[in-house]
PDB file of N, CA and C in Angstrom:
ATOM      1  N   UNK A   1       9.665 -18.275  -8.503  1.00  0.00           N
ATOM      2  CA  UNK A   1      10.667 -18.854  -7.622  1.00  0.00           C
ATOM      3  C   UNK A   1      10.376 -18.409  -6.194  1.00  0.00           C
ATOM      4  N   UNK A   2      10.413 -19.347  -5.297  1.00  0.00           N
ATOM      5  CA  UNK A   2      10.257 -19.053  -3.875  1.00  0.00           C
ATOM      6  C   UNK A   2      11.470 -19.566  -3.123  1.00  0.00           C
ATOM      7  N   UNK A   3      11.884 -18.825  -2.144  1.00  0.00           N
ATOM      8  CA  UNK A   3      12.977 -19.235  -1.269  1.00  0.00           C
ATOM      9  C   UNK A   3      12.366 -19.542   0.088  1.00  0.00           C
ATOM     10  N   UNK A   4      12.695 -20.675   0.664  1.00  0.00           N
ATOM     11  CA  UNK A   4      12.109 -21.076   1.941  1.00  0.00           C
ATOM     12  C   UNK A   4      12.766 -20.350   3.103  1.00  0.00           C
ATOM     13  N   UNK A   5      11.923 -19.847   4.011  1.00  0.00           N
ATOM     14  CA  UNK A   5      12.405 -19.253   5.252  1.00  0.00           C
ATOM     15  C   UNK A   5      12.744 -20.363   6.235  1.00  0.00           C
ATOM     16  N   UNK A   6      13.344 -19.993   7.366  1.00  0.00           N
ATOM     17  CA  UNK A   6      13.705 -20.982   8.371  1.00  0.00           C
ATOM     18  C   UNK A   6      12.500 -21.738   8.910  1.00  0.00           C
ATOM     19  N   UNK A   7      11.297 -21.136   8.845  1.00  0.00           N
ATOM     20  CA  UNK A   7      10.096 -21.813   9.354  1.00  0.00           C
ATOM     21  C   UNK A   7       9.387 -22.624   8.283  1.00  0.00           C
ATOM     22  N   UNK A   8       9.965 -22.682   7.068  1.00  0.00           N
ATOM     23  CA  UNK A   8       9.378 -23.481   6.010  1.00  0.00           C
ATOM     24  C   UNK A   8       8.438 -22.715   5.092  1.00  0.00           C
ATOM     25  N   UNK A   9       8.103 -21.466   5.430  1.00  0.00           N
ATOM     26  CA  UNK A   9       7.248 -20.680   4.560  1.00  0.00           C
ATOM     27  C   UNK A   9       8.062 -20.138   3.403  1.00  0.00           C
ATOM     28  N   UNK A  10       7.389 -19.833   2.326  1.00  0.00           N
ATOM     29  CA  UNK A  10       8.079 -19.342   1.141  1.00  0.00           C
ATOM     30  C   UNK A  10       8.216 -17.831   1.196  1.00  0.00           C
ATOM     31  N   UNK A  11       9.345 -17.351   0.704  1.00  0.00           N
ATOM     32  CA  UNK A  11       9.616 -15.924   0.597  1.00  0.00           C
ATOM     33  C   UNK A  11       9.380 -15.535  -0.855  1.00  0.00           C
ATOM     34  N   UNK A  12       8.629 -14.466  -1.128  1.00  0.00           N
ATOM     35  CA  UNK A  12       8.357 -14.036  -2.486  1.00  0.00           C
ATOM     36  C   UNK A  12       9.580 -13.371  -3.083  1.00  0.00           C
ATOM     37  N   UNK A  13       9.927 -13.761  -4.285  1.00  0.00           N
ATOM     38  CA  UNK A  13      11.035 -13.164  -5.018  1.00  0.00           C
ATOM     39  C   UNK A  13      10.439 -12.361  -6.167  1.00  0.00           C
ATOM     40  N   UNK A  14      10.687 -11.038  -6.228  1.00  0.00           N
ATOM     41  CA  UNK A  14      10.114 -10.195  -7.295  1.00  0.00           C
ATOM     42  C   UNK A  14      10.388 -10.755  -8.674  1.00  0.00           C
ATOM     43  N   UNK A  15       9.394 -10.609  -9.566  1.00  0.00           N
ATOM     44  CA  UNK A  15       9.537 -11.091 -10.930  1.00  0.00           C
ATOM     45  C   UNK A  15       9.138 -12.542 -11.104  1.00  0.00           C
ATOM     46  N   UNK A  16       8.581 -13.147 -10.082  1.00  0.00           N
ATOM     47  CA  UNK A  16       8.172 -14.538 -10.162  1.00  0.00           C
ATOM     48  C   UNK A  16       6.682 -14.654  -9.882  1.00  0.00           C
ATOM     49  N   UNK A  17       6.131 -15.818 -10.114  1.00  0.00           N
ATOM     50  CA  UNK A  17       4.715 -16.082  -9.850  1.00  0.00           C
ATOM     51  C   UNK A  17       4.557 -16.430  -8.378  1.00  0.00           C
ATOM     52  N   UNK A  18       3.572 -15.786  -7.730  1.00  0.00           N
ATOM     53  CA  UNK A  18       3.323 -16.006  -6.311  1.00  0.00           C
ATOM     54  C   UNK A  18       2.220 -17.044  -6.148  1.00  0.00           C
ATOM     55  N   UNK A  19       2.478 -18.102  -5.426  1.00  0.00           N
ATOM     56  CA  UNK A  19       1.467 -19.115  -5.132  1.00  0.00           C
ATOM     57  C   UNK A  19       0.715 -18.674  -3.888  1.00  0.00           C
ATOM     58  N   UNK A  20      -0.500 -18.134  -4.064  1.00  0.00           N
ATOM     59  CA  UNK A  20      -1.255 -17.589  -2.935  1.00  0.00           C
ATOM     60  C   UNK A  20      -1.725 -18.656  -1.959  1.00  0.00           C
ATOM     61  N   UNK A  21      -1.611 -19.916  -2.328  1.00  0.00           N
ATOM     62  CA  UNK A  21      -1.993 -21.006  -1.421  1.00  0.00           C
ATOM     63  C   UNK A  21      -0.947 -21.239  -0.332  1.00  0.00           C
ATOM     64  N   UNK A  22       0.240 -20.677  -0.520  1.00  0.00           N
ATOM     65  CA  UNK A  22       1.327 -20.877   0.437  1.00  0.00           C
ATOM     66  C   UNK A  22       1.933 -19.544   0.869  1.00  0.00           C
ATOM     67  N   UNK A  23       1.088 -18.573   1.161  1.00  0.00           N
ATOM     68  CA  UNK A  23       1.579 -17.249   1.556  1.00  0.00           C
ATOM     69  C   UNK A  23       1.397 -17.074   3.068  1.00  0.00           C
ATOM     70  N   UNK A  24       2.392 -16.513   3.698  1.00  0.00           N
ATOM     71  CA  UNK A  24       2.321 -16.292   5.144  1.00  0.00           C
ATOM     72  C   UNK A  24       1.579 -14.984   5.429  1.00  0.00           C
ATOM     73  N   UNK A  25       1.077 -14.804   6.637  1.00  0.00           N
ATOM     74  CA  UNK A  25       0.435 -13.525   6.989  1.00  0.00           C
ATOM     75  C   UNK A  25       1.372 -12.329   6.804  1.00  0.00           C
ATOM     76  N   UNK A  26       2.650 -12.501   7.099  1.00  0.00           N
ATOM     77  CA  UNK A  26       3.615 -11.414   6.927  1.00  0.00           C
ATOM     78  C   UNK A  26       3.778 -11.060   5.450  1.00  0.00           C
ATOM     79  N   UNK A  27       3.817 -12.070   4.589  1.00  0.00           N
ATOM     80  CA  UNK A  27       3.930 -11.821   3.155  1.00  0.00           C
ATOM     81  C   UNK A  27       2.663 -11.152   2.621  1.00  0.00           C
ATOM     82  N   UNK A  28       1.519 -11.566   3.119  1.00  0.00           N
ATOM     83  CA  UNK A  28       0.252 -10.967   2.708  1.00  0.00           C
ATOM     84  C   UNK A  28       0.220  -9.485   3.070  1.00  0.00           C
ATOM     85  N   UNK A  29       0.739  -9.131   4.226  1.00  0.00           N
ATOM     86  CA  UNK A  29       0.763  -7.737   4.671  1.00  0.00           C
ATOM     87  C   UNK A  29       1.633  -6.875   3.760  1.00  0.00           C
ATOM     88  N   UNK A  30       2.649  -7.467   3.143  1.00  0.00           N
ATOM     89  CA  UNK A  30       3.552  -6.719   2.264  1.00  0.00           C
ATOM     90  C   UNK A  30       3.059  -6.638   0.829  1.00  0.00           C
ATOM     91  N   UNK A  31       2.049  -7.439   0.478  1.00  0.00           N
ATOM     92  CA  UNK A  31       1.538  -7.492  -0.880  1.00  0.00           C
ATOM     93  C   UNK A  31       0.995  -6.127  -1.294  1.00  0.00           C
ATOM     94  N   UNK A  32       1.495  -5.571  -2.339  1.00  0.00           N
ATOM     95  CA  UNK A  32       1.051  -4.277  -2.835  1.00  0.00           C
ATOM     96  C   UNK A  32       1.618  -3.080  -2.111  1.00  0.00           C
ATOM     97  N   UNK A  33       2.497  -3.297  -1.173  1.00  0.00           N
ATOM     98  CA  UNK A  33       3.022  -2.212  -0.341  1.00  0.00           C
ATOM     99  C   UNK A  33       3.624  -1.076  -1.157  1.00  0.00           C
ATOM    100  N   UNK A  34       4.323  -1.394  -2.229  1.00  0.00           N
ATOM    101  CA  UNK A  34       4.973  -0.360  -3.015  1.00  0.00           C
ATOM    102  C   UNK A  34       4.183   0.013  -4.266  1.00  0.00           C
ATOM    103  N   UNK A  35       2.990  -0.596  -4.459  1.00  0.00           N
ATOM    104  CA  UNK A  35       2.203  -0.315  -5.651  1.00  0.00           C
ATOM    105  C   UNK A  35       0.890   0.404  -5.359  1.00  0.00           C
ATOM    106  N   UNK A  36       0.375   0.282  -4.152  1.00  0.00           N
ATOM    107  CA  UNK A  36      -0.951   0.801  -3.820  1.00  0.00           C
ATOM    108  C   UNK A  36      -0.849   1.805  -2.683  1.00  0.00           C
ATOM    109  N   UNK A  37      -1.603   2.894  -2.809  1.00  0.00           N
ATOM    110  CA  UNK A  37      -1.728   3.874  -1.732  1.00  0.00           C
ATOM    111  C   UNK A  37      -3.209   4.184  -1.561  1.00  0.00           C
ATOM    112  N   UNK A  38      -3.615   4.441  -0.327  1.00  0.00           N
ATOM    113  CA  UNK A  38      -5.004   4.717  -0.018  1.00  0.00           C
ATOM    114  C   UNK A  38      -5.183   6.178   0.361  1.00  0.00           C
ATOM    115  N   UNK A  39      -6.315   6.734  -0.061  1.00  0.00           N
ATOM    116  CA  UNK A  39      -6.678   8.117   0.263  1.00  0.00           C
ATOM    117  C   UNK A  39      -7.913   8.054   1.139  1.00  0.00           C
ATOM    118  N   UNK A  40      -7.879   8.763   2.261  1.00  0.00           N
ATOM    119  CA  UNK A  40      -9.068   8.810   3.104  1.00  0.00           C
ATOM    120  C   UNK A  40      -9.267  10.212   3.648  1.00  0.00           C
ATOM    121  N   UNK A  41     -10.526  10.618   3.744  1.00  0.00           N
ATOM    122  CA  UNK A  41     -10.806  11.943   4.298  1.00  0.00           C
ATOM    123  C   UNK A  41     -10.465  11.988   5.778  1.00  0.00           C
ATOM    124  N   UNK A  42      -9.847  13.082   6.196  1.00  0.00           N
ATOM    125  CA  UNK A  42      -9.483  13.279   7.607  1.00  0.00           C
ATOM    126  C   UNK A  42      -9.777  14.718   8.003  1.00  0.00           C
ATOM    127  N   UNK A  43      -9.831  14.967   9.290  1.00  0.00           N
ATOM    128  CA  UNK A  43      -9.981  16.322   9.811  1.00  0.00           C
ATOM    129  C   UNK A  43      -8.654  16.727  10.445  1.00  0.00           C
ATOM    130  N   UNK A  44      -8.108  17.842   9.995  1.00  0.00           N
ATOM    131  CA  UNK A  44      -6.848  18.354  10.545  1.00  0.00           C
ATOM    132  C   UNK A  44      -7.138  19.639  11.324  1.00  0.00           C
ATOM    133  N   UNK A  45      -6.119  20.209  11.936  1.00  0.00           N
ATOM    134  CA  UNK A  45      -6.269  21.483  12.640  1.00  0.00           C
ATOM    135  C   UNK A  45      -6.717  22.597  11.696  1.00  0.00           C
ATOM    136  N   UNK A  46      -6.396  22.437  10.416  1.00  0.00           N
ATOM    137  CA  UNK A  46      -6.753  23.444   9.407  1.00  0.00           C
ATOM    138  C   UNK A  46      -8.044  23.103   8.667  1.00  0.00           C
ATOM    139  N   UNK A  47      -8.754  22.078   9.101  1.00  0.00           N
ATOM    140  CA  UNK A  47     -10.008  21.690   8.456  1.00  0.00           C
ATOM    141  C   UNK A  47      -9.889  20.369   7.725  1.00  0.00           C
ATOM    142  N   UNK A  48     -10.869  20.074   6.861  1.00  0.00           N
ATOM    143  CA  UNK A  48     -10.861  18.792   6.146  1.00  0.00           C
ATOM    144  C   UNK A  48      -9.670  18.676   5.194  1.00  0.00           C
ATOM    145  N   UNK A  49      -9.173  17.457   5.059  1.00  0.00           N
ATOM    146  CA  UNK A  49      -8.058  17.165   4.154  1.00  0.00           C
ATOM    147  C   UNK A  49      -8.164  15.707   3.748  1.00  0.00           C
ATOM    148  N   UNK A  50      -7.205  15.241   2.982  1.00  0.00           N
ATOM    149  CA  UNK A  50      -7.197  13.860   2.514  1.00  0.00           C
ATOM    150  C   UNK A  50      -5.824  13.256   2.795  1.00  0.00           C
ATOM    151  N   UNK A  51      -5.818  12.239   3.638  1.00  0.00           N
ATOM    152  CA  UNK A  51      -4.578  11.580   4.029  1.00  0.00           C
ATOM    153  C   UNK A  51      -4.217  10.496   3.016  1.00  0.00           C
ATOM    154  N   UNK A  52      -2.949  10.388   2.721  1.00  0.00           N
ATOM    155  CA  UNK A  52      -2.427   9.345   1.837  1.00  0.00           C
ATOM    156  C   UNK A  52      -1.682   8.351   2.711  1.00  0.00           C
ATOM    157  N   UNK A  53      -2.072   7.068   2.604  1.00  0.00           N
ATOM    158  CA  UNK A  53      -1.460   6.001   3.399  1.00  0.00           C
ATOM    159  C   UNK A  53      -0.927   4.914   2.475  1.00  0.00           C
ATOM    160  N   UNK A  54       0.183   4.303   2.871  1.00  0.00           N
ATOM    161  CA  UNK A  54       0.701   3.133   2.168  1.00  0.00           C
ATOM    162  C   UNK A  54      -0.261   1.963   2.372  1.00  0.00           C
ATOM    163  N   UNK A  55      -0.080   0.914   1.603  1.00  0.00           N
ATOM    164  CA  UNK A  55      -0.961  -0.249   1.681  1.00  0.00           C
ATOM    165  C   UNK A  55      -1.007  -0.857   3.079  1.00  0.00           C
ATOM    166  N   UNK A  56       0.069  -0.696   3.863  1.00  0.00           N
ATOM    167  CA  UNK A  56       0.098  -1.256   5.218  1.00  0.00           C
ATOM    168  C   UNK A  56      -0.462  -0.289   6.264  1.00  0.00           C
ATOM    169  N   UNK A  57      -0.951   0.887   5.805  1.00  0.00           N
ATOM    170  CA  UNK A  57      -1.532   1.856   6.728  1.00  0.00           C
ATOM    171  C   UNK A  57      -0.585   2.951   7.181  1.00  0.00           C
ATOM    172  N   UNK A  58       0.659   2.891   6.786  1.00  0.00           N
ATOM    173  CA  UNK A  58       1.635   3.907   7.166  1.00  0.00           C
ATOM    174  C   UNK A  58       1.268   5.251   6.532  1.00  0.00           C
ATOM    175  N   UNK A  59       1.101   6.319   7.346  1.00  0.00           N
ATOM    176  CA  UNK A  59       0.800   7.642   6.776  1.00  0.00           C
ATOM    177  C   UNK A  59       1.960   8.141   5.924  1.00  0.00           C
ATOM    178  N   UNK A  60       1.624   8.704   4.741  1.00  0.00           N
ATOM    179  CA  UNK A  60       2.666   9.185   3.831  1.00  0.00           C
ATOM    180  C   UNK A  60       2.558  10.679   3.549  1.00  0.00           C
ATOM    181  N   UNK A  61       1.338  11.221   3.453  1.00  0.00           N
ATOM    182  CA  UNK A  61       1.185  12.634   3.119  1.00  0.00           C
ATOM    183  C   UNK A  61      -0.249  13.077   3.373  1.00  0.00           C
ATOM    184  N   UNK A  62      -0.458  14.398   3.269  1.00  0.00           N
ATOM    185  CA  UNK A  62      -1.791  15.005   3.388  1.00  0.00           C
ATOM    186  C   UNK A  62      -1.979  15.894   2.159  1.00  0.00           C
ATOM    187  N   UNK A  63      -3.175  15.847   1.567  1.00  0.00           N
ATOM    188  CA  UNK A  63      -3.491  16.694   0.423  1.00  0.00           C
ATOM    189  C   UNK A  63      -4.764  17.487   0.701  1.00  0.00           C
ATOM    190  N   UNK A  64      -4.924  18.596   0.013  1.00  0.00           N
ATOM    191  CA  UNK A  64      -6.086  19.460   0.220  1.00  0.00           C
ATOM    192  C   UNK A  64      -7.368  18.877  -0.344  1.00  0.00           C
ATOM    193  N   UNK A  65      -7.246  18.037  -1.407  1.00  0.00           N
ATOM    194  CA  UNK A  65      -8.434  17.445  -2.012  1.00  0.00           C
ATOM    195  C   UNK A  65      -8.088  16.069  -2.575  1.00  0.00           C
ATOM    196  N   UNK A  66      -9.103  15.256  -2.883  1.00  0.00           N
ATOM    197  CA  UNK A  66      -8.808  13.889  -3.345  1.00  0.00           C
ATOM    198  C   UNK A  66      -8.112  13.849  -4.707  1.00  0.00           C
ATOM    199  N   UNK A  67      -8.373  14.826  -5.552  1.00  0.00           N
ATOM    200  CA  UNK A  67      -7.717  14.860  -6.863  1.00  0.00           C
ATOM    201  C   UNK A  67      -6.214  15.085  -6.723  1.00  0.00           C
ATOM    202  N   UNK A  68      -5.844  16.005  -5.833  1.00  0.00           N
ATOM    203  CA  UNK A  68      -4.429  16.273  -5.581  1.00  0.00           C
ATOM    204  C   UNK A  68      -3.751  15.051  -4.947  1.00  0.00           C
ATOM    205  N   UNK A  69      -4.450  14.377  -4.051  1.00  0.00           N
ATOM    206  CA  UNK A  69      -3.909  13.166  -3.431  1.00  0.00           C
ATOM    207  C   UNK A  69      -3.670  12.093  -4.489  1.00  0.00           C
ATOM    208  N   UNK A  70      -4.663  11.881  -5.366  1.00  0.00           N
ATOM    209  CA  UNK A  70      -4.519  10.871  -6.423  1.00  0.00           C
ATOM    210  C   UNK A  70      -3.378  11.234  -7.361  1.00  0.00           C
ATOM    211  N   UNK A  71      -3.255  12.512  -7.714  1.00  0.00           N
ATOM    212  CA  UNK A  71      -2.171  12.941  -8.605  1.00  0.00           C
ATOM    213  C   UNK A  71      -0.806  12.687  -7.978  1.00  0.00           C
ATOM    214  N   UNK A  72      -0.674  12.940  -6.682  1.00  0.00           N
ATOM    215  CA  UNK A  72       0.599  12.693  -5.995  1.00  0.00           C
ATOM    216  C   UNK A  72       0.937  11.203  -5.994  1.00  0.00           C
ATOM    217  N   UNK A  73      -0.077  10.377  -5.776  1.00  0.00           N
ATOM    218  CA  UNK A  73       0.140   8.922  -5.768  1.00  0.00           C
ATOM    219  C   UNK A  73       0.573   8.449  -7.147  1.00  0.00           C
ATOM    220  N   UNK A  74      -0.136   8.896  -8.187  1.00  0.00           N
ATOM    221  CA  UNK A  74       0.194   8.499  -9.556  1.00  0.00           C
ATOM    222  C   UNK A  74       1.589   8.987  -9.943  1.00  0.00           C
ATOM    223  N   UNK A  75       1.949  10.191  -9.517  1.00  0.00           N
ATOM    224  CA  UNK A  75       3.280  10.742  -9.803  1.00  0.00           C
ATOM    225  C   UNK A  75       4.385   9.849  -9.238  1.00  0.00           C
ATOM    226  N   UNK A  76       4.076   9.149  -8.157  1.00  0.00           N
ATOM    227  CA  UNK A  76       5.059   8.246  -7.544  1.00  0.00           C
ATOM    228  C   UNK A  76       4.876   6.804  -8.017  1.00  0.00           C
ATOM    229  N   UNK A  77       4.207   6.659  -9.182  1.00  0.00           N
ATOM    230  CA  UNK A  77       4.029   5.362  -9.847  1.00  0.00           C
ATOM    231  C   UNK A  77       3.320   4.340  -8.981  1.00  0.00           C
ATOM    232  N   UNK A  78       2.312   4.820  -8.243  1.00  0.00           N
ATOM    233  CA  UNK A  78       1.489   3.941  -7.420  1.00  0.00           C
ATOM    234  C   UNK A  78       0.040   4.056  -7.905  1.00  0.00           C
ATOM    235  N   UNK A  79      -0.820   3.164  -7.426  1.00  0.00           N
ATOM    236  CA  UNK A  79      -2.234   3.162  -7.782  1.00  0.00           C
ATOM    237  C   UNK A  79      -3.025   3.702  -6.594  1.00  0.00           C
ATOM    238  N   UNK A  80      -3.813   4.790  -6.814  1.00  0.00           N
ATOM    239  CA  UNK A  80      -4.604   5.338  -5.716  1.00  0.00           C
ATOM    240  C   UNK A  80      -5.906   4.560  -5.495  1.00  0.00           C
ATOM    241  N   UNK A  81      -6.315   4.421  -4.242  1.00  0.00           N
ATOM    242  CA  UNK A  81      -7.576   3.811  -3.866  1.00  0.00           C
ATOM    243  C   UNK A  81      -8.198   4.672  -2.793  1.00  0.00           C
ATOM    244  N   UNK A  82      -9.513   4.915  -2.908  1.00  0.00           N
ATOM    245  CA  UNK A  82     -10.216   5.743  -1.947  1.00  0.00           C
ATOM    246  C   UNK A  82     -10.803   4.883  -0.841  1.00  0.00           C
ATOM    247  N   UNK A  83     -10.560   5.264   0.407  1.00  0.00           N
ATOM    248  CA  UNK A  83     -11.150   4.588   1.559  1.00  0.00           C
ATOM    249  C   UNK A  83     -12.293   5.468   2.030  1.00  0.00           C
ATOM    250  N   UNK A  84     -13.491   4.900   2.122  1.00  0.00           N
ATOM    251  CA  UNK A  84     -14.663   5.692   2.533  1.00  0.00           C
ATOM    252  C   UNK A  84     -14.772   5.773   4.024  1.00  0.00           C
TER     253      UNK A  84
END
């Protein structure tokens, strides 16, 4: 089920099938936002670490190693992905 926005684009309703042929850039940016998190190596004041970011790039946390970062993501029922 899709609900039309004022501009005629469809709004995704959770629990329904998404027609990717009619998705807006804003909807695409939100796709996976609550299911996927990215881990990337970073340099902090205390040395190397691993940053955890939401699918849209929003910083969420810092971990000492990639295993700890992945465990934190999984604990929050998300799927970890490594950014090289």
